[in-house]
Protein backbone atom coordinates (compact mmCIF):
# COMPACT_ATOMS: atom_id res chain seq x y z
CA MET A 1 38.40 62.54 120.84
CA SER A 2 39.57 62.67 124.72
CA ASN A 3 39.30 59.06 126.56
CA TYR A 4 37.60 58.37 130.17
CA HIS A 5 40.31 57.30 132.66
CA ILE A 6 40.21 57.74 136.47
CA ARG A 7 43.54 58.75 138.09
CA TYR A 8 44.99 59.51 141.58
CA SER A 9 46.52 62.89 142.47
CA HIS A 10 49.41 62.64 144.70
CA ILE A 11 49.00 66.50 145.05
CA THR A 12 45.79 66.45 146.71
CA ASN A 13 44.95 63.09 147.51
CA THR A 14 42.94 62.98 145.26
CA ILE A 15 40.80 60.07 142.97
CA TYR A 16 39.99 61.74 139.94
CA ALA A 17 37.32 60.35 137.00
CA GLY A 18 37.16 62.26 133.48
CA THR A 19 38.20 63.09 130.27
CA ILE A 20 42.19 63.02 128.96
CA SER A 21 43.78 64.18 125.80
CA LYS A 22 45.05 62.31 123.37
CA LYS A 23 48.20 62.73 124.95
CA GLY A 24 47.31 61.32 128.47
CA ASN A 25 48.81 64.45 129.51
CA LEU A 26 45.92 67.40 130.01
CA TRP A 27 42.54 66.54 131.98
CA LEU A 28 39.93 68.01 129.70
CA THR A 29 37.33 67.36 132.10
CA LYS A 30 37.68 65.92 135.81
CA SER A 31 35.61 65.37 139.05
CA ASP A 32 36.17 64.36 142.74
CA VAL A 33 35.05 60.59 142.73
CA THR A 34 37.16 60.02 145.59
CA GLU A 35 34.92 58.84 148.37
CA GLU A 36 32.05 57.35 145.46
CA ALA A 37 35.72 54.88 144.17
CA LEU A 38 36.82 53.92 147.85
CA ALA A 39 33.44 53.22 148.83
CA SER A 40 32.73 50.64 145.64
CA VAL A 41 35.70 49.20 146.09
CA ARG A 42 34.65 48.34 150.05
CA ASP A 43 31.71 47.29 148.47
CA LEU A 44 33.28 44.97 145.86
CA LEU A 45 35.43 43.48 148.40
CA GLU A 46 33.09 42.82 151.33
CA ARG A 47 31.11 40.87 148.34
CA MET A 48 34.04 38.68 147.67
CA ALA A 49 34.23 37.90 151.50
CA ILE A 50 30.55 36.64 151.76
CA ARG A 51 30.36 34.91 148.78
CA ASN A 52 34.07 33.00 149.78
CA GLU A 53 32.25 32.59 153.47
CA ARG A 54 35.68 34.82 154.72
CA ASP A 55 35.32 37.20 157.25
CA THR A 56 38.18 39.09 155.07
CA PHE A 57 39.28 39.34 151.81
CA GLY A 58 41.89 41.76 149.60
CA TYR A 59 44.18 41.36 147.44
CA GLU A 60 48.19 42.13 146.78
CA TRP A 61 50.48 43.34 144.32
CA THR A 62 54.43 42.53 143.76
CA LYS A 63 55.27 46.04 142.51
CA LYS A 64 59.09 46.22 139.94
CA ASN A 65 61.25 47.01 143.47
CA GLY A 66 59.57 43.82 145.62
CA THR A 67 57.34 45.63 147.82
CA VAL A 68 54.25 43.85 148.58
CA ILE A 69 50.54 46.28 148.78
CA GLN A 70 47.78 44.62 149.85
CA LEU A 71 44.38 45.55 149.83
CA THR A 72 42.02 44.35 152.53
CA VAL A 73 38.57 44.15 153.65
CA LYS A 74 37.76 43.00 157.16
CA ILE A 75 34.24 42.39 158.47
CA LEU A 76 33.40 42.75 162.10
CA GLN A 77 30.71 42.11 163.71
CA ALA A 78 28.48 44.56 165.37
CA LYS A 79 28.59 44.54 169.20
CA GLY A 80 26.75 42.01 170.87
CA GLU A 81 25.63 40.75 167.18
CA SER A 82 27.23 36.63 166.88
CA LYS A 83 28.17 34.65 163.83
């Protein structure tokens, strides 16, 4: 039985979703979901910012080597609009 996964390809700079082999080393089926995945993360972060009554929201991870990675959304008002 295969498993459904989402993975990033360093070679193609693409996010793929699909099924992989039991060993996890071979795609059996895959689709490019890069735009959908990024839009979904954007929408999630936007919703979390609004829910927390902020104009920014994000996540932060510390990698094993100590490098900190931040993923943040910042909501900007349209020109001519006020909050």
